Amino acid sequence: GAEVVVPVVPAAGVALPESVRLEGT
């Protein structure tokens, strides 16, 4: 239920919901 950190491949133009943030990968 808390925050989880996972690796992703960032992409330009992706809208993120308020409960999500992207820092680097």
mmCIF file of all heavy atoms, coordinates in Angstrom:
data_MODEL
# 
_entry.id   MODEL 
# 
loop_
_atom_site.group_PDB 
_atom_site.id 
_atom_site.type_symbol 
_atom_site.label_atom_id 
_atom_site.label_alt_id 
_atom_site.label_comp_id 
_atom_site.label_asym_id 
_atom_site.label_entity_id 
_atom_site.label_seq_id 
_atom_site.pdbx_PDB_ins_code 
_atom_site.Cartn_x 
_atom_site.Cartn_y 
_atom_site.Cartn_z 
_atom_site.occupancy 
_atom_site.B_iso_or_equiv 
_atom_site.pdbx_formal_charge 
_atom_site.auth_seq_id 
_atom_site.auth_comp_id 
_atom_site.auth_asym_id 
_atom_site.auth_atom_id 
_atom_site.pdbx_PDB_model_num 
ATOM 1   N N   . GLY A 1 1  ? 0.814  -1.203 0.000   1.00 0.00 ? 1  GLY A N   1 
ATOM 2   C CA  . GLY A 1 1  ? 0.000  0.000  0.000   1.00 0.00 ? 1  GLY A CA  1 
ATOM 3   C C   . GLY A 1 1  ? 0.849  1.256  0.000   1.00 0.00 ? 1  GLY A C   1 
ATOM 4   O O   . GLY A 1 1  ? 0.389  2.336  -0.347  1.00 0.00 ? 1  GLY A O   1 
ATOM 5   N N   . ALA A 1 2  ? 2.085  1.120  0.392   1.00 0.00 ? 2  ALA A N   1 
ATOM 6   C CA  . ALA A 1 2  ? 3.007  2.261  0.416   1.00 0.00 ? 2  ALA A CA  1 
ATOM 7   C C   . ALA A 1 2  ? 3.682  2.400  -0.954  1.00 0.00 ? 2  ALA A C   1 
ATOM 8   O O   . ALA A 1 2  ? 3.275  1.797  -1.932  1.00 0.00 ? 2  ALA A O   1 
ATOM 9   C CB  . ALA A 1 2  ? 4.037  2.071  1.516   1.00 0.00 ? 2  ALA A CB  1 
ATOM 10  N N   . GLU A 1 3  ? 4.744  3.166  -0.980  1.00 0.00 ? 3  GLU A N   1 
ATOM 11  C CA  . GLU A 1 3  ? 5.457  3.423  -2.227  1.00 0.00 ? 3  GLU A CA  1 
ATOM 12  C C   . GLU A 1 3  ? 6.373  2.258  -2.577  1.00 0.00 ? 3  GLU A C   1 
ATOM 13  O O   . GLU A 1 3  ? 7.041  1.698  -1.715  1.00 0.00 ? 3  GLU A O   1 
ATOM 14  C CB  . GLU A 1 3  ? 6.282  4.697  -2.053  1.00 0.00 ? 3  GLU A CB  1 
ATOM 15  C CG  . GLU A 1 3  ? 6.931  5.197  -3.306  1.00 0.00 ? 3  GLU A CG  1 
ATOM 16  C CD  . GLU A 1 3  ? 7.620  6.528  -3.071  1.00 0.00 ? 3  GLU A CD  1 
ATOM 17  O OE1 . GLU A 1 3  ? 8.539  6.590  -2.232  1.00 0.00 ? 3  GLU A OE1 1 
ATOM 18  O OE2 . GLU A 1 3  ? 7.238  7.491  -3.749  1.00 0.00 ? 3  GLU A OE2 1 
ATOM 19  N N   . VAL A 1 4  ? 6.390  1.891  -3.841  1.00 0.00 ? 4  VAL A N   1 
ATOM 20  C CA  . VAL A 1 4  ? 7.303  0.878  -4.343  1.00 0.00 ? 4  VAL A CA  1 
ATOM 21  C C   . VAL A 1 4  ? 8.173  1.532  -5.415  1.00 0.00 ? 4  VAL A C   1 
ATOM 22  O O   . VAL A 1 4  ? 7.711  2.415  -6.141  1.00 0.00 ? 4  VAL A O   1 
ATOM 23  C CB  . VAL A 1 4  ? 6.537  -0.356 -4.913  1.00 0.00 ? 4  VAL A CB  1 
ATOM 24  C CG1 . VAL A 1 4  ? 5.725  -0.006 -6.136  1.00 0.00 ? 4  VAL A CG1 1 
ATOM 25  C CG2 . VAL A 1 4  ? 7.486  -1.504 -5.215  1.00 0.00 ? 4  VAL A CG2 1 
ATOM 26  N N   . VAL A 1 5  ? 9.443  1.117  -5.474  1.00 0.00 ? 5  VAL A N   1 
ATOM 27  C CA  . VAL A 1 5  ? 10.385 1.675  -6.443  1.00 0.00 ? 5  VAL A CA  1 
ATOM 28  C C   . VAL A 1 5  ? 10.760 0.572  -7.423  1.00 0.00 ? 5  VAL A C   1 
ATOM 29  O O   . VAL A 1 5  ? 11.218 -0.497 -7.013  1.00 0.00 ? 5  VAL A O   1 
ATOM 30  C CB  . VAL A 1 5  ? 11.655 2.207  -5.743  1.00 0.00 ? 5  VAL A CB  1 
ATOM 31  C CG1 . VAL A 1 5  ? 12.614 2.807  -6.761  1.00 0.00 ? 5  VAL A CG1 1 
ATOM 32  C CG2 . VAL A 1 5  ? 11.302 3.196  -4.663  1.00 0.00 ? 5  VAL A CG2 1 
ATOM 33  N N   . VAL A 1 6  ? 10.551 0.852  -8.717  1.00 0.00 ? 6  VAL A N   1 
ATOM 34  C CA  . VAL A 1 6  ? 10.857 -0.152 -9.744  1.00 0.00 ? 6  VAL A CA  1 
ATOM 35  C C   . VAL A 1 6  ? 11.623 0.505  -10.888 1.00 0.00 ? 6  VAL A C   1 
ATOM 36  O O   . VAL A 1 6  ? 11.457 1.695  -11.159 1.00 0.00 ? 6  VAL A O   1 
ATOM 37  C CB  . VAL A 1 6  ? 9.563  -0.818 -10.282 1.00 0.00 ? 6  VAL A CB  1 
ATOM 38  C CG1 . VAL A 1 6  ? 8.897  -1.656 -9.207  1.00 0.00 ? 6  VAL A CG1 1 
ATOM 39  C CG2 . VAL A 1 6  ? 8.602  0.198  -10.844 1.00 0.00 ? 6  VAL A CG2 1 
ATOM 40  N N   . PRO A 1 7  ? 12.468 -0.278 -11.575 1.00 0.00 ? 7  PRO A N   1 
ATOM 41  C CA  . PRO A 1 7  ? 13.216 0.278  -12.712 1.00 0.00 ? 7  PRO A CA  1 
ATOM 42  C C   . PRO A 1 7  ? 12.356 0.311  -13.977 1.00 0.00 ? 7  PRO A C   1 
ATOM 43  O O   . PRO A 1 7  ? 11.608 -0.628 -14.259 1.00 0.00 ? 7  PRO A O   1 
ATOM 44  C CB  . PRO A 1 7  ? 14.383 -0.707 -12.871 1.00 0.00 ? 7  PRO A CB  1 
ATOM 45  C CG  . PRO A 1 7  ? 13.826 -2.009 -12.373 1.00 0.00 ? 7  PRO A CG  1 
ATOM 46  C CD  . PRO A 1 7  ? 12.868 -1.652 -11.273 1.00 0.00 ? 7  PRO A CD  1 
ATOM 47  N N   . VAL A 1 8  ? 12.435 1.402  -14.721 1.00 0.00 ? 8  VAL A N   1 
ATOM 48  C CA  . VAL A 1 8  ? 11.696 1.534  -15.980 1.00 0.00 ? 8  VAL A CA  1 
ATOM 49  C C   . VAL A 1 8  ? 12.600 2.154  -17.033 1.00 0.00 ? 8  VAL A C   1 
ATOM 50  O O   . VAL A 1 8  ? 13.654 2.707  -16.723 1.00 0.00 ? 8  VAL A O   1 
ATOM 51  C CB  . VAL A 1 8  ? 10.421 2.401  -15.813 1.00 0.00 ? 8  VAL A CB  1 
ATOM 52  C CG1 . VAL A 1 8  ? 9.424  1.755  -14.875 1.00 0.00 ? 8  VAL A CG1 1 
ATOM 53  C CG2 . VAL A 1 8  ? 10.752 3.800  -15.363 1.00 0.00 ? 8  VAL A CG2 1 
ATOM 54  N N   . VAL A 1 9  ? 12.153 2.068  -18.278 1.00 0.00 ? 9  VAL A N   1 
ATOM 55  C CA  . VAL A 1 9  ? 12.816 2.754  -19.385 1.00 0.00 ? 9  VAL A CA  1 
ATOM 56  C C   . VAL A 1 9  ? 12.013 4.027  -19.625 1.00 0.00 ? 9  VAL A C   1 
ATOM 57  O O   . VAL A 1 9  ? 10.857 3.956  -20.058 1.00 0.00 ? 9  VAL A O   1 
ATOM 58  C CB  . VAL A 1 9  ? 12.844 1.868  -20.648 1.00 0.00 ? 9  VAL A CB  1 
ATOM 59  C CG1 . VAL A 1 9  ? 13.459 2.626  -21.813 1.00 0.00 ? 9  VAL A CG1 1 
ATOM 60  C CG2 . VAL A 1 9  ? 13.580 0.575  -20.375 1.00 0.00 ? 9  VAL A CG2 1 
ATOM 61  N N   . PRO A 1 10 ? 12.567 5.198  -19.292 1.00 0.00 ? 10 PRO A N   1 
ATOM 62  C CA  . PRO A 1 10 ? 11.809 6.442  -19.438 1.00 0.00 ? 10 PRO A CA  1 
ATOM 63  C C   . PRO A 1 10 ? 11.449 6.724  -20.893 1.00 0.00 ? 10 PRO A C   1 
ATOM 64  O O   . PRO A 1 10 ? 12.184 6.357  -21.814 1.00 0.00 ? 10 PRO A O   1 
ATOM 65  C CB  . PRO A 1 10 ? 12.750 7.514  -18.903 1.00 0.00 ? 10 PRO A CB  1 
ATOM 66  C CG  . PRO A 1 10 ? 13.901 6.815  -18.282 1.00 0.00 ? 10 PRO A CG  1 
ATOM 67  C CD  . PRO A 1 10 ? 13.912 5.419  -18.791 1.00 0.00 ? 10 PRO A CD  1 
ATOM 68  N N   . ALA A 1 11 ? 10.303 7.386  -21.069 1.00 0.00 ? 11 ALA A N   1 
ATOM 69  C CA  . ALA A 1 11 ? 9.863  7.776  -22.404 1.00 0.00 ? 11 ALA A CA  1 
ATOM 70  C C   . ALA A 1 11 ? 9.310  9.200  -22.326 1.00 0.00 ? 11 ALA A C   1 
ATOM 71  O O   . ALA A 1 11 ? 8.686  9.577  -21.333 1.00 0.00 ? 11 ALA A O   1 
ATOM 72  C CB  . ALA A 1 11 ? 8.797  6.816  -22.918 1.00 0.00 ? 11 ALA A CB  1 
ATOM 73  N N   . ALA A 1 12 ? 9.534  9.961  -23.375 1.00 0.00 ? 12 ALA A N   1 
ATOM 74  C CA  . ALA A 1 12 ? 9.060  11.345 -23.401 1.00 0.00 ? 12 ALA A CA  1 
ATOM 75  C C   . ALA A 1 12 ? 7.552  11.377 -23.640 1.00 0.00 ? 12 ALA A C   1 
ATOM 76  O O   . ALA A 1 12 ? 6.993  10.536 -24.338 1.00 0.00 ? 12 ALA A O   1 
ATOM 77  C CB  . ALA A 1 12 ? 9.785  12.115 -24.501 1.00 0.00 ? 12 ALA A CB  1 
ATOM 78  N N   . GLY A 1 13 ? 6.905  12.355 -23.029 1.00 0.00 ? 13 GLY A N   1 
ATOM 79  C CA  . GLY A 1 13 ? 5.486  12.581 -23.284 1.00 0.00 ? 13 GLY A CA  1 
ATOM 80  C C   . GLY A 1 13 ? 4.530  11.668 -22.537 1.00 0.00 ? 13 GLY A C   1 
ATOM 81  O O   . GLY A 1 13 ? 3.359  11.607 -22.881 1.00 0.00 ? 13 GLY A O   1 
ATOM 82  N N   . VAL A 1 14 ? 4.994  10.956 -21.544 1.00 0.00 ? 14 VAL A N   1 
ATOM 83  C CA  . VAL A 1 14 ? 4.112  10.070 -20.785 1.00 0.00 ? 14 VAL A CA  1 
ATOM 84  C C   . VAL A 1 14 ? 3.546  10.855 -19.607 1.00 0.00 ? 14 VAL A C   1 
ATOM 85  O O   . VAL A 1 14 ? 4.289  11.414 -18.793 1.00 0.00 ? 14 VAL A O   1 
ATOM 86  C CB  . VAL A 1 14 ? 4.863  8.814  -20.285 1.00 0.00 ? 14 VAL A CB  1 
ATOM 87  C CG1 . VAL A 1 14 ? 3.982  7.968  -19.399 1.00 0.00 ? 14 VAL A CG1 1 
ATOM 88  C CG2 . VAL A 1 14 ? 5.366  8.008  -21.456 1.00 0.00 ? 14 VAL A CG2 1 
ATOM 89  N N   . ALA A 1 15 ? 2.213  10.918 -19.518 1.00 0.00 ? 15 ALA A N   1 
ATOM 90  C CA  . ALA A 1 15 ? 1.557  11.611 -18.411 1.00 0.00 ? 15 ALA A CA  1 
ATOM 91  C C   . ALA A 1 15 ? 1.503  10.670 -17.207 1.00 0.00 ? 15 ALA A C   1 
ATOM 92  O O   . ALA A 1 15 ? 1.049  9.535  -17.314 1.00 0.00 ? 15 ALA A O   1 
ATOM 93  C CB  . ALA A 1 15 ? 0.155  12.033 -18.822 1.00 0.00 ? 15 ALA A CB  1 
ATOM 94  N N   . LEU A 1 16 ? 1.985  11.165 -16.060 1.00 0.00 ? 16 LEU A N   1 
ATOM 95  C CA  . LEU A 1 16 ? 2.011  10.356 -14.843 1.00 0.00 ? 16 LEU A CA  1 
ATOM 96  C C   . LEU A 1 16 ? 0.938  10.832 -13.880 1.00 0.00 ? 16 LEU A C   1 
ATOM 97  O O   . LEU A 1 16 ? 0.744  12.037 -13.705 1.00 0.00 ? 16 LEU A O   1 
ATOM 98  C CB  . LEU A 1 16 ? 3.388  10.450 -14.172 1.00 0.00 ? 16 LEU A CB  1 
ATOM 99  C CG  . LEU A 1 16 ? 4.582  9.971  -14.985 1.00 0.00 ? 16 LEU A CG  1 
ATOM 100 C CD1 . LEU A 1 16 ? 5.876  10.236 -14.225 1.00 0.00 ? 16 LEU A CD1 1 
ATOM 101 C CD2 . LEU A 1 16 ? 4.456  8.501  -15.312 1.00 0.00 ? 16 LEU A CD2 1 
ATOM 102 N N   . PRO A 1 17 ? 0.241  9.909  -13.233 1.00 0.00 ? 17 PRO A N   1 
ATOM 103 C CA  . PRO A 1 17 ? -0.731 10.312 -12.214 1.00 0.00 ? 17 PRO A CA  1 
ATOM 104 C C   . PRO A 1 17 ? -0.029 10.972 -11.019 1.00 0.00 ? 17 PRO A C   1 
ATOM 105 O O   . PRO A 1 17 ? 1.194  10.882 -10.877 1.00 0.00 ? 17 PRO A O   1 
ATOM 106 C CB  . PRO A 1 17 ? -1.378 8.989  -11.786 1.00 0.00 ? 17 PRO A CB  1 
ATOM 107 C CG  . PRO A 1 17 ? -0.791 7.925  -12.622 1.00 0.00 ? 17 PRO A CG  1 
ATOM 108 C CD  . PRO A 1 17 ? 0.307  8.492  -13.436 1.00 0.00 ? 17 PRO A CD  1 
ATOM 109 N N   . GLU A 1 18 ? -0.790 11.598 -10.141 1.00 0.00 ? 18 GLU A N   1 
ATOM 110 C CA  . GLU A 1 18 ? -0.218 12.290 -8.983  1.00 0.00 ? 18 GLU A CA  1 
ATOM 111 C C   . GLU A 1 18 ? 0.520  11.351 -8.042  1.00 0.00 ? 18 GLU A C   1 
ATOM 112 O O   . GLU A 1 18 ? 1.472  11.756 -7.383  1.00 0.00 ? 18 GLU A O   1 
ATOM 113 C CB  . GLU A 1 18 ? -1.323 13.010 -8.195  1.00 0.00 ? 18 GLU A CB  1 
ATOM 114 C CG  . GLU A 1 18 ? -1.753 14.309 -8.809  1.00 0.00 ? 18 GLU A CG  1 
ATOM 115 C CD  . GLU A 1 18 ? -2.728 15.036 -7.911  1.00 0.00 ? 18 GLU A CD  1 
ATOM 116 O OE1 . GLU A 1 18 ? -2.712 14.827 -6.688  1.00 0.00 ? 18 GLU A OE1 1 
ATOM 117 O OE2 . GLU A 1 18 ? -3.511 15.821 -8.450  1.00 0.00 ? 18 GLU A OE2 1 
ATOM 118 N N   . SER A 1 19 ? 0.074  10.109 -7.974  1.00 0.00 ? 19 SER A N   1 
ATOM 119 C CA  . SER A 1 19 ? 0.675  9.160  -7.028  1.00 0.00 ? 19 SER A CA  1 
ATOM 120 C C   . SER A 1 19 ? 1.958  8.524  -7.566  1.00 0.00 ? 19 SER A C   1 
ATOM 121 O O   . SER A 1 19 ? 2.513  7.634  -6.945  1.00 0.00 ? 19 SER A O   1 
ATOM 122 C CB  . SER A 1 19 ? -0.332 8.064  -6.683  1.00 0.00 ? 19 SER A CB  1 
ATOM 123 O OG  . SER A 1 19 ? -0.657 7.315  -7.843  1.00 0.00 ? 19 SER A OG  1 
ATOM 124 N N   . VAL A 1 20 ? 2.423  8.987  -8.720  1.00 0.00 ? 20 VAL A N   1 
ATOM 125 C CA  . VAL A 1 20 ? 3.595  8.395  -9.368  1.00 0.00 ? 20 VAL A CA  1 
ATOM 126 C C   . VAL A 1 20 ? 4.596  9.494  -9.705  1.00 0.00 ? 20 VAL A C   1 
ATOM 127 O O   . VAL A 1 20 ? 4.226  10.570 -10.157 1.00 0.00 ? 20 VAL A O   1 
ATOM 128 C CB  . VAL A 1 20 ? 3.176  7.655  -10.666 1.00 0.00 ? 20 VAL A CB  1 
ATOM 129 C CG1 . VAL A 1 20 ? 4.384  7.119  -11.401 1.00 0.00 ? 20 VAL A CG1 1 
ATOM 130 C CG2 . VAL A 1 20 ? 2.194  6.548  -10.361 1.00 0.00 ? 20 VAL A CG2 1 
ATOM 131 N N   . ARG A 1 21 ? 5.880  9.199  -9.477  1.00 0.00 ? 21 ARG A N   1 
ATOM 132 C CA  . ARG A 1 21 ? 6.922  10.119 -9.921  1.00 0.00 ? 21 ARG A CA  1 
ATOM 133 C C   . ARG A 1 21 ? 8.061  9.309  -10.549 1.00 0.00 ? 21 ARG A C   1 
ATOM 134 O O   . ARG A 1 21 ? 8.294  8.158  -10.184 1.00 0.00 ? 21 ARG A O   1 
ATOM 135 C CB  . ARG A 1 21 ? 7.398  11.018 -8.791  1.00 0.00 ? 21 ARG A CB  1 
ATOM 136 C CG  . ARG A 1 21 ? 8.298  10.410 -7.794  1.00 0.00 ? 21 ARG A CG  1 
ATOM 137 C CD  . ARG A 1 21 ? 8.679  11.450 -6.715  1.00 0.00 ? 21 ARG A CD  1 
ATOM 138 N NE  . ARG A 1 21 ? 9.751  10.988 -5.891  1.00 0.00 ? 21 ARG A NE  1 
ATOM 139 C CZ  . ARG A 1 21 ? 9.629  10.140 -4.881  1.00 0.00 ? 21 ARG A CZ  1 
ATOM 140 N NH1 . ARG A 1 21 ? 8.447  9.696  -4.551  1.00 0.00 ? 21 ARG A NH1 1 
ATOM 141 N NH2 . ARG A 1 21 ? 10.678 9.756  -4.183  1.00 0.00 ? 21 ARG A NH2 1 
ATOM 142 N N   . LEU A 1 22 ? 8.736  9.934  -11.468 1.00 0.00 ? 22 LEU A N   1 
ATOM 143 C CA  . LEU A 1 22 ? 9.833  9.294  -12.185 1.00 0.00 ? 22 LEU A CA  1 
ATOM 144 C C   . LEU A 1 22 ? 11.101 10.091 -11.923 1.00 0.00 ? 22 LEU A C   1 
ATOM 145 O O   . LEU A 1 22 ? 11.152 11.292 -12.157 1.00 0.00 ? 22 LEU A O   1 
ATOM 146 C CB  . LEU A 1 22 ? 9.520  9.270  -13.685 1.00 0.00 ? 22 LEU A CB  1 
ATOM 147 C CG  . LEU A 1 22 ? 10.516 8.577  -14.603 1.00 0.00 ? 22 LEU A CG  1 
ATOM 148 C CD1 . LEU A 1 22 ? 10.630 7.099  -14.260 1.00 0.00 ? 22 LEU A CD1 1 
ATOM 149 C CD2 . LEU A 1 22 ? 10.109 8.747  -16.049 1.00 0.00 ? 22 LEU A CD2 1 
ATOM 150 N N   . GLU A 1 23 ? 12.116 9.410  -11.391 1.00 0.00 ? 23 GLU A N   1 
ATOM 151 C CA  . GLU A 1 23 ? 13.424 10.029 -11.152 1.00 0.00 ? 23 GLU A CA  1 
ATOM 152 C C   . GLU A 1 23 ? 14.470 9.177  -11.855 1.00 0.00 ? 23 GLU A C   1 
ATOM 153 O O   . GLU A 1 23 ? 14.795 8.082  -11.401 1.00 0.00 ? 23 GLU A O   1 
ATOM 154 C CB  . GLU A 1 23 ? 13.724 10.106 -9.650  1.00 0.00 ? 23 GLU A CB  1 
ATOM 155 C CG  . GLU A 1 23 ? 12.836 11.073 -8.903  1.00 0.00 ? 23 GLU A CG  1 
ATOM 156 C CD  . GLU A 1 23 ? 13.157 11.134 -7.417  1.00 0.00 ? 23 GLU A CD  1 
ATOM 157 O OE1 . GLU A 1 23 ? 14.186 10.555 -6.989  1.00 0.00 ? 23 GLU A OE1 1 
ATOM 158 O OE2 . GLU A 1 23 ? 12.374 11.758 -6.692  1.00 0.00 ? 23 GLU A OE2 1 
ATOM 159 N N   . GLY A 1 24 ? 14.975 9.696  -12.954 1.00 0.00 ? 24 GLY A N   1 
ATOM 160 C CA  . GLY A 1 24 ? 15.936 8.928  -13.745 1.00 0.00 ? 24 GLY A CA  1 
ATOM 161 C C   . GLY A 1 24 ? 15.261 7.698  -14.333 1.00 0.00 ? 24 GLY A C   1 
ATOM 162 O O   . GLY A 1 24 ? 14.308 7.814  -15.096 1.00 0.00 ? 24 GLY A O   1 
ATOM 163 N N   . THR A 1 25 ? 15.745 6.542  -13.966 1.00 0.00 ? 25 THR A N   1 
ATOM 164 C CA  . THR A 1 25 ? 15.134 5.295  -14.453 1.00 0.00 ? 25 THR A CA  1 
ATOM 165 C C   . THR A 1 25 ? 14.329 4.596  -13.366 1.00 0.00 ? 25 THR A C   1 
ATOM 166 O O   . THR A 1 25 ? 13.936 3.446  -13.530 1.00 0.00 ? 25 THR A O   1 
ATOM 167 C CB  . THR A 1 25 ? 16.220 4.330  -14.974 1.00 0.00 ? 25 THR A CB  1 
ATOM 168 O OG1 . THR A 1 25 ? 17.121 4.044  -13.906 1.00 0.00 ? 25 THR A OG1 1 
ATOM 169 C CG2 . THR A 1 25 ? 16.971 4.924  -16.153 1.00 0.00 ? 25 THR A CG2 1 
# 
